[in-house]
Amino acid sequence: MVDIAELEFAVVDLETTGFSPGRGDRIVEIGVVRVGGDGRVLREWTTLVDPGRGVGATQVHRITARDVVGAPRFADIAGELAALLAGAVVVAHNASFEQRFLEAEFAASGIGMPIVPALCTMRLAKAVGLDLDDHKLGTCCTYFGLEFPDAHAALADARVTARLLPLLLASAGARRLVLGARPCEVPAYPAFQGRLRPRRGFEPVEAGRA
């Protein structure tokens, strides 16, 4: 078991062209918020991603084909993203969805995904036994009084999940976590030297600027 205060978390949200990487769906946007065990935001990182195919359900994620013109392919930013996830507990709401897509994209890029323990805030909300009709991210946010105005924008979803996480852990009375794997060391991947393309209005922040 590891004290939560000693951990770092990489809260991840993805927007995708559909629901199944096995059927050719791809990532179109990534948002990551890296936080300390005390809840401090250490770094944010986000970009639109050119999926190399149609962008899918624009009516859901509000991303158009024009938006991803000039955005990097996943393979371009895979190394930088791997370094950002390494050494952390990866957190996502419905984490199995993010895991499937990340595993498929990293495999296709030829860059090894770092070994990262994962924590699903949806499963945690169910385990805590909150009195909810469902355990969707918006429903959980409403329960705790968290504002959630930009659903299905990757960085906005990652930000609100990062705020939800300590509330759920406190509800569970958790001060330590049992990790299924030890976070690996940061790999020696170079940072992406091209141009990340954040969605308009969702520029990331560094520690101390939030």
N, C-alpha and C. Protein backbone atom coordinates (compact mmCIF):
# COMPACT_ATOMS: atom_id res chain seq x y z
N MET A 1 0.84 -1.20 0.00
CA MET A 1 0.00 0.00 0.00
C MET A 1 0.88 1.24 0.00
N VAL A 2 0.39 2.28 -0.65
CA VAL A 2 1.15 3.52 -0.79
C VAL A 2 0.29 4.67 -0.31
N ASP A 3 0.88 5.55 0.48
CA ASP A 3 0.15 6.74 0.92
C ASP A 3 -0.21 7.60 -0.28
N ILE A 4 -1.45 8.04 -0.33
CA ILE A 4 -1.91 8.88 -1.44
C ILE A 4 -1.08 10.14 -1.55
N ALA A 5 -0.68 10.69 -0.41
CA ALA A 5 0.09 11.93 -0.42
C ALA A 5 1.44 11.77 -1.11
N GLU A 6 1.92 10.53 -1.22
CA GLU A 6 3.22 10.29 -1.85
C GLU A 6 3.11 10.02 -3.35
N LEU A 7 1.89 9.95 -3.86
CA LEU A 7 1.68 9.61 -5.27
C LEU A 7 1.49 10.84 -6.14
N GLU A 8 1.67 10.62 -7.42
CA GLU A 8 1.21 11.58 -8.42
C GLU A 8 0.20 10.88 -9.31
N PHE A 9 -0.76 11.63 -9.78
CA PHE A 9 -1.82 11.10 -10.63
C PHE A 9 -1.80 11.81 -11.97
N ALA A 10 -2.00 11.04 -13.03
CA ALA A 10 -2.15 11.61 -14.37
C ALA A 10 -3.59 11.36 -14.79
N VAL A 11 -4.40 12.39 -14.72
CA VAL A 11 -5.82 12.28 -15.03
C VAL A 11 -5.99 12.48 -16.54
N VAL A 12 -6.58 11.48 -17.19
CA VAL A 12 -6.62 11.44 -18.65
C VAL A 12 -8.07 11.44 -19.14
N ASP A 13 -8.31 12.20 -20.19
CA ASP A 13 -9.58 12.08 -20.91
C ASP A 13 -9.30 12.10 -22.41
N LEU A 14 -10.04 11.28 -23.13
CA LEU A 14 -9.90 11.18 -24.58
C LEU A 14 -11.23 11.49 -25.25
N GLU A 15 -11.15 12.15 -26.40
CA GLU A 15 -12.28 12.20 -27.31
C GLU A 15 -11.89 11.36 -28.52
N THR A 16 -12.82 10.58 -29.02
CA THR A 16 -12.52 9.60 -30.06
C THR A 16 -13.54 9.66 -31.19
N THR A 17 -13.20 8.99 -32.29
CA THR A 17 -14.11 8.96 -33.45
C THR A 17 -15.28 8.02 -33.22
N GLY A 18 -15.18 7.14 -32.25
CA GLY A 18 -16.21 6.15 -31.97
C GLY A 18 -15.84 5.36 -30.74
N PHE A 19 -16.41 4.17 -30.60
CA PHE A 19 -16.27 3.43 -29.35
C PHE A 19 -15.31 2.25 -29.42
N SER A 20 -14.80 1.90 -30.60
CA SER A 20 -14.05 0.65 -30.70
C SER A 20 -12.77 0.81 -31.52
N PRO A 21 -11.60 0.81 -30.85
CA PRO A 21 -10.35 0.84 -31.62
C PRO A 21 -10.20 -0.40 -32.49
N GLY A 22 -10.81 -1.51 -32.08
CA GLY A 22 -10.75 -2.72 -32.89
C GLY A 22 -11.46 -2.59 -34.22
N ARG A 23 -12.37 -1.62 -34.32
CA ARG A 23 -13.09 -1.37 -35.57
C ARG A 23 -12.55 -0.14 -36.31
N GLY A 24 -11.38 0.30 -35.88
CA GLY A 24 -10.74 1.39 -36.59
C GLY A 24 -10.96 2.77 -36.03
N ASP A 25 -11.64 2.87 -34.89
CA ASP A 25 -11.82 4.20 -34.29
C ASP A 25 -10.51 4.69 -33.70
N ARG A 26 -10.36 6.01 -33.69
CA ARG A 26 -9.08 6.62 -33.29
C ARG A 26 -9.33 7.77 -32.30
N ILE A 27 -8.26 8.19 -31.66
CA ILE A 27 -8.30 9.34 -30.76
C ILE A 27 -8.26 10.63 -31.58
N VAL A 28 -9.11 11.60 -31.20
CA VAL A 28 -9.09 12.90 -31.86
C VAL A 28 -8.69 14.03 -30.90
N GLU A 29 -8.67 13.76 -29.60
CA GLU A 29 -8.24 14.77 -28.64
C GLU A 29 -7.81 14.10 -27.36
N ILE A 30 -6.77 14.64 -26.75
CA ILE A 30 -6.24 14.11 -25.49
C ILE A 30 -6.11 15.27 -24.51
N GLY A 31 -6.53 15.04 -23.27
CA GLY A 31 -6.30 15.99 -22.20
C GLY A 31 -5.71 15.26 -21.01
N VAL A 32 -4.65 15.80 -20.43
CA VAL A 32 -4.00 15.19 -19.26
C VAL A 32 -3.78 16.28 -18.21
N VAL A 33 -4.17 15.98 -16.99
CA VAL A 33 -3.88 16.86 -15.85
C VAL A 33 -3.07 16.04 -14.86
N ARG A 34 -1.83 16.43 -14.65
CA ARG A 34 -0.96 15.73 -13.70
C ARG A 34 -1.06 16.44 -12.36
N VAL A 35 -1.44 15.70 -11.31
CA VAL A 35 -1.65 16.30 -10.01
C VAL A 35 -0.90 15.53 -8.94
N GLY A 36 -0.55 16.21 -7.88
CA GLY A 36 0.07 15.57 -6.73
C GLY A 36 -0.98 14.93 -5.85
N GLY A 37 -0.53 14.11 -4.91
CA GLY A 37 -1.45 13.46 -4.00
C GLY A 37 -2.23 14.44 -3.14
N ASP A 38 -1.72 15.67 -3.03
CA ASP A 38 -2.42 16.70 -2.27
C ASP A 38 -3.38 17.49 -3.13
N GLY A 39 -3.52 17.12 -4.40
CA GLY A 39 -4.46 17.79 -5.30
C GLY A 39 -3.87 18.94 -6.09
N ARG A 40 -2.61 19.29 -5.84
CA ARG A 40 -1.99 20.40 -6.59
C ARG A 40 -1.82 20.02 -8.05
N VAL A 41 -2.19 20.95 -8.93
CA VAL A 41 -1.98 20.73 -10.36
C VAL A 41 -0.51 20.98 -10.67
N LEU A 42 0.16 19.97 -11.21
CA LEU A 42 1.57 20.06 -11.54
C LEU A 42 1.79 20.42 -13.00
N ARG A 43 0.92 19.92 -13.86
CA ARG A 43 1.05 20.21 -15.28
C ARG A 43 -0.24 19.83 -15.98
N GLU A 44 -0.56 20.58 -17.02
CA GLU A 44 -1.64 20.20 -17.92
C GLU A 44 -1.09 20.08 -19.33
N TRP A 45 -1.69 19.22 -20.10
CA TRP A 45 -1.21 18.95 -21.46
C TRP A 45 -2.40 18.55 -22.30
N THR A 46 -2.53 19.12 -23.47
CA THR A 46 -3.66 18.78 -24.32
C THR A 46 -3.34 19.06 -25.78
N THR A 47 -3.95 18.30 -26.64
CA THR A 47 -3.85 18.56 -28.07
C THR A 47 -4.98 17.86 -28.80
N LEU A 48 -5.42 18.45 -29.90
CA LEU A 48 -6.20 17.72 -30.87
C LEU A 48 -5.27 16.76 -31.59
N VAL A 49 -5.81 15.69 -32.14
CA VAL A 49 -5.02 14.68 -32.83
C VAL A 49 -5.66 14.40 -34.19
N ASP A 50 -4.85 14.40 -35.23
CA ASP A 50 -5.34 14.03 -36.55
C ASP A 50 -5.53 12.51 -36.57
N PRO A 51 -6.77 12.01 -36.70
CA PRO A 51 -6.99 10.57 -36.62
C PRO A 51 -6.69 9.84 -37.92
N GLY A 52 -6.43 10.59 -39.00
CA GLY A 52 -6.16 9.94 -40.27
C GLY A 52 -7.41 9.33 -40.89
N ARG A 53 -8.57 9.77 -40.44
CA ARG A 53 -9.87 9.31 -40.93
C ARG A 53 -10.90 10.36 -40.51
N GLY A 54 -12.17 10.11 -40.75
CA GLY A 54 -13.19 11.05 -40.31
C GLY A 54 -13.19 11.21 -38.81
N VAL A 55 -13.62 12.38 -38.34
CA VAL A 55 -13.56 12.68 -36.91
C VAL A 55 -14.72 12.07 -36.12
N GLY A 56 -15.68 11.49 -36.81
CA GLY A 56 -16.77 10.83 -36.10
C GLY A 56 -17.84 11.79 -35.64
N ALA A 57 -18.34 11.58 -34.42
CA ALA A 57 -19.55 12.24 -33.92
C ALA A 57 -19.28 13.68 -33.49
N THR A 58 -19.20 14.58 -34.46
CA THR A 58 -18.99 16.00 -34.15
C THR A 58 -20.06 16.54 -33.22
N GLN A 59 -21.27 16.02 -33.33
CA GLN A 59 -22.37 16.50 -32.48
C GLN A 59 -22.12 16.20 -31.01
N VAL A 60 -21.22 15.25 -30.72
CA VAL A 60 -20.89 14.91 -29.33
C VAL A 60 -19.68 15.69 -28.87
N HIS A 61 -18.55 15.55 -29.57
CA HIS A 61 -17.30 16.17 -29.10
C HIS A 61 -17.04 17.56 -29.69
N ARG A 62 -17.84 17.97 -30.67
CA ARG A 62 -17.77 19.32 -31.25
C ARG A 62 -16.46 19.57 -32.00
N ILE A 63 -15.79 18.51 -32.41
CA ILE A 63 -14.56 18.61 -33.19
C ILE A 63 -14.89 18.34 -34.65
N THR A 64 -14.45 19.24 -35.52
CA THR A 64 -14.73 19.09 -36.95
C THR A 64 -13.45 18.68 -37.68
N ALA A 65 -13.64 18.28 -38.94
CA ALA A 65 -12.48 17.91 -39.76
C ALA A 65 -11.53 19.09 -39.90
N ARG A 66 -12.05 20.29 -39.99
CA ARG A 66 -11.20 21.48 -40.11
C ARG A 66 -10.36 21.68 -38.85
N ASP A 67 -10.91 21.34 -37.68
CA ASP A 67 -10.19 21.54 -36.42
C ASP A 67 -8.89 20.73 -36.35
N VAL A 68 -8.88 19.54 -36.94
CA VAL A 68 -7.70 18.67 -36.80
C VAL A 68 -6.70 18.86 -37.93
N VAL A 69 -6.98 19.75 -38.88
CA VAL A 69 -6.00 20.05 -39.92
C VAL A 69 -4.77 20.69 -39.27
N GLY A 70 -3.60 20.11 -39.47
CA GLY A 70 -2.37 20.62 -38.87
C GLY A 70 -2.10 20.08 -37.48
N ALA A 71 -3.03 19.30 -36.92
CA ALA A 71 -2.80 18.69 -35.62
C ALA A 71 -1.85 17.50 -35.78
N PRO A 72 -1.09 17.14 -34.75
CA PRO A 72 -0.17 16.01 -34.87
C PRO A 72 -0.93 14.68 -34.96
N ARG A 73 -0.31 13.68 -35.58
CA ARG A 73 -0.79 12.31 -35.49
C ARG A 73 -0.40 11.76 -34.12
N PHE A 74 -1.07 10.71 -33.68
CA PHE A 74 -0.75 10.15 -32.36
C PHE A 74 0.71 9.72 -32.29
N ALA A 75 1.23 9.12 -33.35
CA ALA A 75 2.62 8.66 -33.34
C ALA A 75 3.59 9.81 -33.09
N ASP A 76 3.21 11.02 -33.52
CA ASP A 76 4.08 12.18 -33.33
C ASP A 76 4.25 12.53 -31.86
N ILE A 77 3.17 12.36 -31.09
CA ILE A 77 3.21 12.80 -29.70
C ILE A 77 3.24 11.65 -28.71
N ALA A 78 3.35 10.41 -29.21
CA ALA A 78 3.29 9.23 -28.33
C ALA A 78 4.40 9.23 -27.29
N GLY A 79 5.62 9.60 -27.69
CA GLY A 79 6.73 9.60 -26.76
C GLY A 79 6.54 10.60 -25.64
N GLU A 80 6.11 11.80 -25.98
CA GLU A 80 5.89 12.84 -24.97
C GLU A 80 4.75 12.44 -24.03
N LEU A 81 3.70 11.87 -24.59
CA LEU A 81 2.58 11.43 -23.75
C LEU A 81 3.01 10.30 -22.83
N ALA A 82 3.80 9.36 -23.33
CA ALA A 82 4.28 8.26 -22.48
C ALA A 82 5.08 8.79 -21.30
N ALA A 83 5.93 9.78 -21.54
CA ALA A 83 6.71 10.37 -20.47
C ALA A 83 5.82 11.09 -19.45
N LEU A 84 4.73 11.67 -19.93
CA LEU A 84 3.82 12.39 -19.04
C LEU A 84 3.04 11.42 -18.13
N LEU A 85 2.76 10.22 -18.64
CA LEU A 85 2.02 9.24 -17.85
C LEU A 85 2.93 8.46 -16.91
N ALA A 86 4.19 8.29 -17.27
CA ALA A 86 5.10 7.46 -16.49
C ALA A 86 5.28 8.01 -15.08
N GLY A 87 5.42 7.10 -14.14
CA GLY A 87 5.64 7.49 -12.75
C GLY A 87 4.39 7.93 -12.02
N ALA A 88 3.22 7.81 -12.66
CA ALA A 88 1.97 8.26 -12.06
C ALA A 88 0.96 7.12 -12.01
N VAL A 89 -0.07 7.32 -11.21
CA VAL A 89 -1.28 6.50 -11.28
C VAL A 89 -2.19 7.18 -12.29
N VAL A 90 -2.53 6.47 -13.34
CA VAL A 90 -3.40 7.05 -14.36
C VAL A 90 -4.85 6.97 -13.88
N VAL A 91 -5.56 8.08 -14.00
CA VAL A 91 -6.94 8.17 -13.55
C VAL A 91 -7.82 8.55 -14.73
N ALA A 92 -8.97 7.92 -14.84
CA ALA A 92 -9.94 8.31 -15.86
C ALA A 92 -11.32 7.90 -15.39
N HIS A 93 -12.33 8.55 -15.92
CA HIS A 93 -13.71 8.17 -15.63
C HIS A 93 -14.13 7.17 -16.69
N ASN A 94 -14.41 5.94 -16.27
CA ASN A 94 -14.57 4.79 -17.18
C ASN A 94 -13.22 4.49 -17.82
N ALA A 95 -12.27 4.15 -16.96
CA ALA A 95 -10.86 4.03 -17.37
C ALA A 95 -10.63 2.93 -18.41
N SER A 96 -11.46 1.90 -18.44
CA SER A 96 -11.25 0.84 -19.43
C SER A 96 -11.37 1.37 -20.84
N PHE A 97 -12.20 2.38 -21.05
CA PHE A 97 -12.35 2.99 -22.38
C PHE A 97 -11.05 3.66 -22.80
N GLU A 98 -10.50 4.51 -21.92
CA GLU A 98 -9.23 5.17 -22.23
C GLU A 98 -8.11 4.16 -22.42
N GLN A 99 -8.09 3.12 -21.59
CA GLN A 99 -7.02 2.13 -21.67
C GLN A 99 -7.03 1.42 -23.02
N ARG A 100 -8.20 1.03 -23.50
CA ARG A 100 -8.29 0.34 -24.80
C ARG A 100 -7.73 1.20 -25.92
N PHE A 101 -8.12 2.46 -25.93
CA PHE A 101 -7.66 3.34 -27.01
C PHE A 101 -6.17 3.64 -26.90
N LEU A 102 -5.69 3.90 -25.68
CA LEU A 102 -4.27 4.20 -25.53
C LEU A 102 -3.41 2.99 -25.91
N GLU A 103 -3.81 1.82 -25.48
CA GLU A 103 -3.04 0.62 -25.83
C GLU A 103 -2.99 0.44 -27.35
N ALA A 104 -4.12 0.64 -28.02
CA ALA A 104 -4.15 0.47 -29.47
C ALA A 104 -3.31 1.52 -30.18
N GLU A 105 -3.38 2.76 -29.71
CA GLU A 105 -2.64 3.84 -30.38
C GLU A 105 -1.13 3.70 -30.13
N PHE A 106 -0.74 3.37 -28.91
CA PHE A 106 0.69 3.18 -28.64
C PHE A 106 1.24 2.00 -29.44
N ALA A 107 0.47 0.91 -29.52
CA ALA A 107 0.92 -0.25 -30.29
C ALA A 107 1.10 0.12 -31.75
N ALA A 108 0.17 0.87 -32.30
CA ALA A 108 0.26 1.26 -33.71
C ALA A 108 1.42 2.21 -33.97
N SER A 109 1.78 3.00 -32.94
CA SER A 109 2.86 3.97 -33.10
C SER A 109 4.24 3.34 -32.96
N GLY A 110 4.30 2.12 -32.41
CA GLY A 110 5.58 1.45 -32.21
C GLY A 110 6.33 1.93 -30.99
N ILE A 111 5.68 2.69 -30.13
CA ILE A 111 6.30 3.17 -28.89
C ILE A 111 5.63 2.47 -27.72
N GLY A 112 6.42 1.90 -26.83
CA GLY A 112 5.86 1.16 -25.71
C GLY A 112 5.14 2.07 -24.73
N MET A 113 3.93 1.67 -24.37
CA MET A 113 3.19 2.41 -23.36
C MET A 113 3.81 2.12 -22.01
N PRO A 114 4.05 3.13 -21.17
CA PRO A 114 4.66 2.88 -19.87
C PRO A 114 3.75 2.04 -18.99
N ILE A 115 4.35 1.29 -18.07
CA ILE A 115 3.56 0.51 -17.12
C ILE A 115 3.00 1.47 -16.08
N VAL A 116 1.68 1.55 -16.05
CA VAL A 116 1.05 2.51 -15.14
C VAL A 116 -0.13 1.84 -14.44
N PRO A 117 -0.18 1.91 -13.11
CA PRO A 117 -1.40 1.48 -12.42
C PRO A 117 -2.52 2.45 -12.76
N ALA A 118 -3.75 1.97 -12.74
CA ALA A 118 -4.88 2.80 -13.14
C ALA A 118 -5.94 2.84 -12.05
N LEU A 119 -6.66 3.93 -12.02
CA LEU A 119 -7.75 4.12 -11.06
C LEU A 119 -8.93 4.70 -11.83
N CYS A 120 -10.09 4.07 -11.71
CA CYS A 120 -11.28 4.51 -12.43
C CYS A 120 -12.21 5.23 -11.47
N THR A 121 -12.47 6.51 -11.73
CA THR A 121 -13.35 7.27 -10.83
C THR A 121 -14.80 6.81 -10.93
N MET A 122 -15.20 6.23 -12.08
CA MET A 122 -16.55 5.69 -12.18
C MET A 122 -16.72 4.49 -11.24
N ARG A 123 -15.74 3.58 -11.27
CA ARG A 123 -15.81 2.41 -10.39
C ARG A 123 -15.69 2.82 -8.93
N LEU A 124 -14.87 3.87 -8.67
CA LEU A 124 -14.73 4.35 -7.30
C LEU A 124 -16.05 4.93 -6.80
N ALA A 125 -16.75 5.67 -7.66
CA ALA A 125 -18.05 6.24 -7.28
C ALA A 125 -19.05 5.13 -6.95
N LYS A 126 -19.01 4.04 -7.73
CA LYS A 126 -19.89 2.91 -7.44
C LYS A 126 -19.51 2.24 -6.12
N ALA A 127 -18.21 2.09 -5.88
CA ALA A 127 -17.75 1.43 -4.66
C ALA A 127 -18.08 2.24 -3.41
N VAL A 128 -18.04 3.57 -3.54
CA VAL A 128 -18.34 4.43 -2.41
C VAL A 128 -19.83 4.33 -2.04
N GLY A 129 -20.67 3.99 -3.02
CA GLY A 129 -22.10 3.85 -2.76
C GLY A 129 -22.85 5.16 -2.76
N LEU A 130 -22.45 6.08 -3.63
CA LEU A 130 -23.17 7.34 -3.72
C LEU A 130 -24.60 7.10 -4.17
N ASP A 131 -25.52 7.88 -3.65
CA ASP A 131 -26.94 7.74 -3.99
C ASP A 131 -27.21 8.46 -5.31
N LEU A 132 -26.93 7.76 -6.41
CA LEU A 132 -27.02 8.34 -7.74
C LEU A 132 -27.86 7.46 -8.64
N ASP A 133 -28.52 8.10 -9.62
CA ASP A 133 -29.27 7.34 -10.62
C ASP A 133 -28.32 6.61 -11.57
N ASP A 134 -27.17 7.22 -11.85
CA ASP A 134 -26.12 6.59 -12.65
C ASP A 134 -24.80 7.15 -12.18
N HIS A 135 -23.71 6.67 -12.76
CA HIS A 135 -22.39 7.09 -12.31
C HIS A 135 -21.61 7.79 -13.43
N LYS A 136 -22.33 8.46 -14.32
CA LYS A 136 -21.68 9.25 -15.35
C LYS A 136 -20.92 10.41 -14.71
N LEU A 137 -19.95 10.94 -15.45
CA LEU A 137 -19.13 12.01 -14.90
C LEU A 137 -19.97 13.21 -14.51
N GLY A 138 -20.90 13.61 -15.37
CA GLY A 138 -21.74 14.77 -15.06
C GLY A 138 -22.59 14.55 -13.82
N THR A 139 -23.10 13.33 -13.65
CA THR A 139 -23.93 13.02 -12.49
C THR A 139 -23.11 13.09 -11.20
N CYS A 140 -21.90 12.56 -11.24
CA CYS A 140 -21.02 12.63 -10.07
C CYS A 140 -20.66 14.07 -9.74
N CYS A 141 -20.42 14.87 -10.76
CA CYS A 141 -20.07 16.27 -10.52
C CYS A 141 -21.24 17.02 -9.89
N THR A 142 -22.45 16.76 -10.37
CA THR A 142 -23.63 17.39 -9.78
C THR A 142 -23.78 17.03 -8.31
N TYR A 143 -23.52 15.77 -7.98
CA TYR A 143 -23.64 15.31 -6.60
C TYR A 143 -22.71 16.11 -5.68
N PHE A 144 -21.49 16.38 -6.15
CA PHE A 144 -20.51 17.09 -5.32
C PHE A 144 -20.52 18.60 -5.55
N GLY A 145 -21.42 19.09 -6.39
CA GLY A 145 -21.51 20.53 -6.64
C GLY A 145 -20.40 21.09 -7.49
N LEU A 146 -19.81 20.25 -8.35
CA LEU A 146 -18.73 20.71 -9.22
C LEU A 146 -19.32 21.23 -10.54
N GLU A 147 -18.90 22.39 -10.96
CA GLU A 147 -19.34 22.93 -12.24
C GLU A 147 -18.70 22.13 -13.37
N PHE A 148 -19.48 21.84 -14.40
CA PHE A 148 -19.02 21.00 -15.50
C PHE A 148 -19.61 21.53 -16.81
N PRO A 149 -19.17 22.73 -17.22
CA PRO A 149 -19.83 23.40 -18.35
C PRO A 149 -19.40 22.93 -19.73
N ASP A 150 -18.30 22.22 -19.86
CA ASP A 150 -17.74 21.91 -21.19
C ASP A 150 -17.56 20.41 -21.38
N ALA A 151 -18.61 19.64 -21.14
CA ALA A 151 -18.53 18.19 -21.28
C ALA A 151 -18.08 17.80 -22.68
N HIS A 152 -17.28 16.76 -22.75
CA HIS A 152 -16.75 16.22 -24.00
C HIS A 152 -15.73 17.14 -24.67
N ALA A 153 -15.06 17.96 -23.88
CA ALA A 153 -13.80 18.58 -24.28
C ALA A 153 -12.75 17.93 -23.39
N ALA A 154 -11.71 17.35 -24.00
CA ALA A 154 -10.82 16.46 -23.26
C ALA A 154 -10.18 17.13 -22.04
N LEU A 155 -9.65 18.33 -22.19
CA LEU A 155 -8.99 18.96 -21.05
C LEU A 155 -10.00 19.35 -19.99
N ALA A 156 -11.18 19.83 -20.39
CA ALA A 156 -12.22 20.18 -19.42
C ALA A 156 -12.64 18.95 -18.63
N ASP A 157 -12.82 17.81 -19.31
CA ASP A 157 -13.21 16.59 -18.62
C ASP A 157 -12.10 16.11 -17.68
N ALA A 158 -10.85 16.22 -18.12
CA ALA A 158 -9.73 15.83 -17.26
C ALA A 158 -9.64 16.73 -16.04
N ARG A 159 -9.87 18.02 -16.23
CA ARG A 159 -9.80 18.95 -15.11
C ARG A 159 -10.86 18.64 -14.06
N VAL A 160 -12.09 18.40 -14.49
CA VAL A 160 -13.15 18.15 -13.51
C VAL A 160 -12.97 16.78 -12.86
N THR A 161 -12.43 15.80 -13.60
CA THR A 161 -12.15 14.49 -13.00
C THR A 161 -11.05 14.62 -11.95
N ALA A 162 -10.07 15.48 -12.19
CA ALA A 162 -9.01 15.72 -11.21
C ALA A 162 -9.58 16.35 -9.94
N ARG A 163 -10.63 17.16 -10.07
CA ARG A 163 -11.27 17.74 -8.89
C ARG A 163 -12.18 16.73 -8.19
N LEU A 164 -12.75 15.81 -8.98
CA LEU A 164 -13.63 14.79 -8.41
C LEU A 164 -12.85 13.74 -7.62
N LEU A 165 -11.65 13.42 -8.08
CA LEU A 165 -10.87 12.34 -7.48
C LEU A 165 -10.70 12.48 -5.97
N PRO A 166 -10.19 13.61 -5.45
CA PRO A 166 -10.00 13.67 -3.99
C PRO A 166 -11.31 13.62 -3.22
N LEU A 167 -12.40 14.08 -3.82
CA LEU A 167 -13.70 14.01 -3.15
C LEU A 167 -14.15 12.56 -3.01
N LEU A 168 -13.93 11.77 -4.04
CA LEU A 168 -14.28 10.36 -3.98
C LEU A 168 -13.39 9.61 -3.00
N LEU A 169 -12.09 9.91 -3.03
CA LEU A 169 -11.18 9.25 -2.10
C LEU A 169 -11.52 9.59 -0.66
N ALA A 170 -11.90 10.85 -0.42
CA ALA A 170 -12.30 11.25 0.93
C ALA A 170 -13.59 10.55 1.34
N SER A 171 -14.52 10.40 0.39
CA SER A 171 -15.78 9.70 0.70
C SER A 171 -15.53 8.25 1.05
N ALA A 172 -14.49 7.68 0.43
CA ALA A 172 -14.13 6.29 0.72
C ALA A 172 -13.29 6.17 1.98
N GLY A 173 -12.86 7.30 2.53
CA GLY A 173 -11.99 7.27 3.70
C GLY A 173 -10.61 6.72 3.38
N ALA A 174 -10.21 6.85 2.12
CA ALA A 174 -8.94 6.25 1.68
C ALA A 174 -7.79 7.22 1.88
N ARG A 175 -6.75 6.74 2.55
CA ARG A 175 -5.51 7.49 2.67
C ARG A 175 -4.35 6.76 2.00
N ARG A 176 -4.58 5.47 1.68
CA ARG A 176 -3.54 4.67 1.02
C ARG A 176 -4.21 3.89 -0.10
N LEU A 177 -3.43 3.55 -1.12
CA LEU A 177 -3.92 2.78 -2.25
C LEU A 177 -3.08 1.52 -2.43
N VAL A 178 -3.74 0.46 -2.80
CA VAL A 178 -3.05 -0.75 -3.22
C VAL A 178 -2.90 -0.67 -4.73
N LEU A 179 -1.68 -0.64 -5.23
CA LEU A 179 -1.43 -0.49 -6.65
C LEU A 179 -1.23 -1.85 -7.30
N GLY A 180 -1.88 -2.03 -8.44
CA GLY A 180 -1.74 -3.28 -9.18
C GLY A 180 -0.40 -3.42 -9.86
N ALA A 181 0.30 -2.31 -10.01
CA ALA A 181 1.64 -2.32 -10.61
C ALA A 181 2.38 -1.10 -10.10
N ARG A 182 3.69 -1.17 -10.11
CA ARG A 182 4.49 -0.02 -9.74
C ARG A 182 4.63 0.89 -10.95
N PRO A 183 4.41 2.18 -10.78
CA PRO A 183 4.62 3.08 -11.91
C PRO A 183 6.06 2.99 -12.41
N CYS A 184 6.24 2.93 -13.71
CA CYS A 184 7.59 2.82 -14.26
C CYS A 184 8.27 4.18 -14.25
N GLU A 185 9.57 4.17 -14.43
CA GLU A 185 10.32 5.41 -14.50
C GLU A 185 9.99 6.14 -15.80
N VAL A 186 10.26 7.44 -15.80
CA VAL A 186 10.01 8.23 -17.00
C VAL A 186 10.92 7.75 -18.12
N PRO A 187 10.37 7.34 -19.27
CA PRO A 187 11.21 6.88 -20.38
C PRO A 187 11.98 8.02 -21.01
N ALA A 188 13.05 7.68 -21.67
CA ALA A 188 13.91 8.70 -22.29
C ALA A 188 13.40 9.05 -23.67
N TYR A 189 12.14 9.49 -23.75
CA TYR A 189 11.57 9.92 -25.02
C TYR A 189 11.72 11.42 -25.16
N PRO A 190 12.10 11.89 -26.32
CA PRO A 190 12.18 13.34 -26.51
C PRO A 190 10.80 13.96 -26.54
N ALA A 191 10.72 15.19 -26.08
CA ALA A 191 9.46 15.93 -26.18
C ALA A 191 9.13 16.17 -27.66
N PHE A 192 7.85 16.23 -27.95
CA PHE A 192 7.41 16.49 -29.31
C PHE A 192 7.90 17.87 -29.74
N GLN A 193 8.58 17.91 -30.87
CA GLN A 193 9.17 19.16 -31.34
C GLN A 193 8.28 19.92 -32.31
N GLY A 194 7.16 19.33 -32.67
CA GLY A 194 6.23 20.01 -33.55
C GLY A 194 5.28 20.91 -32.78
N ARG A 195 4.12 21.11 -33.35
CA ARG A 195 3.15 22.04 -32.76
C ARG A 195 1.94 21.28 -32.25
N LEU A 196 1.78 21.28 -30.93
CA LEU A 196 0.54 20.77 -30.37
C LEU A 196 -0.60 21.71 -30.76
N ARG A 197 -1.79 21.17 -30.84
CA ARG A 197 -2.91 22.00 -31.25
C ARG A 197 -4.05 21.86 -30.25
N PRO A 198 -4.02 22.61 -29.14
CA PRO A 198 -5.12 22.55 -28.19
C PRO A 198 -6.41 23.08 -28.81
N ARG A 199 -7.53 22.54 -28.36
CA ARG A 199 -8.82 23.09 -28.77
C ARG A 199 -8.89 24.56 -28.36
N ARG A 200 -9.50 25.36 -29.17
CA ARG A 200 -9.60 26.79 -28.87
C ARG A 200 -10.28 27.00 -27.51
N GLY A 201 -9.64 27.81 -26.68
CA GLY A 201 -10.20 28.10 -25.36
C GLY A 201 -9.75 27.15 -24.27
N PHE A 202 -8.89 26.16 -24.61
CA PHE A 202 -8.48 25.18 -23.62
C PHE A 202 -6.97 25.07 -23.56
N GLU A 203 -6.29 26.18 -23.46
CA GLU A 203 -4.84 26.16 -23.32
C GLU A 203 -4.47 25.54 -21.98
N PRO A 204 -3.47 24.66 -21.98
CA PRO A 204 -3.04 24.05 -20.71
C PRO A 204 -2.25 25.03 -19.87
N VAL A 205 -2.09 24.70 -18.60
CA VAL A 205 -1.32 25.54 -17.69
C VAL A 205 -0.23 24.71 -17.05
N GLU A 206 0.81 25.38 -16.60
CA GLU A 206 1.87 24.73 -15.83
C GLU A 206 1.64 25.00 -14.36
N ALA A 207 2.34 24.27 -13.50
CA ALA A 207 2.22 24.46 -12.06
C ALA A 207 2.47 25.91 -11.70
N GLY A 208 1.65 26.42 -10.79
CA GLY A 208 1.81 27.78 -10.33
C GLY A 208 1.06 28.80 -11.14
N ARG A 209 0.50 28.39 -12.32
CA ARG A 209 -0.22 29.33 -13.15
C ARG A 209 -1.72 29.05 -13.14
N ALA A 210 -2.12 27.94 -12.52
CA ALA A 210 -3.55 27.58 -12.52
C ALA A 210 -4.35 28.57 -11.67
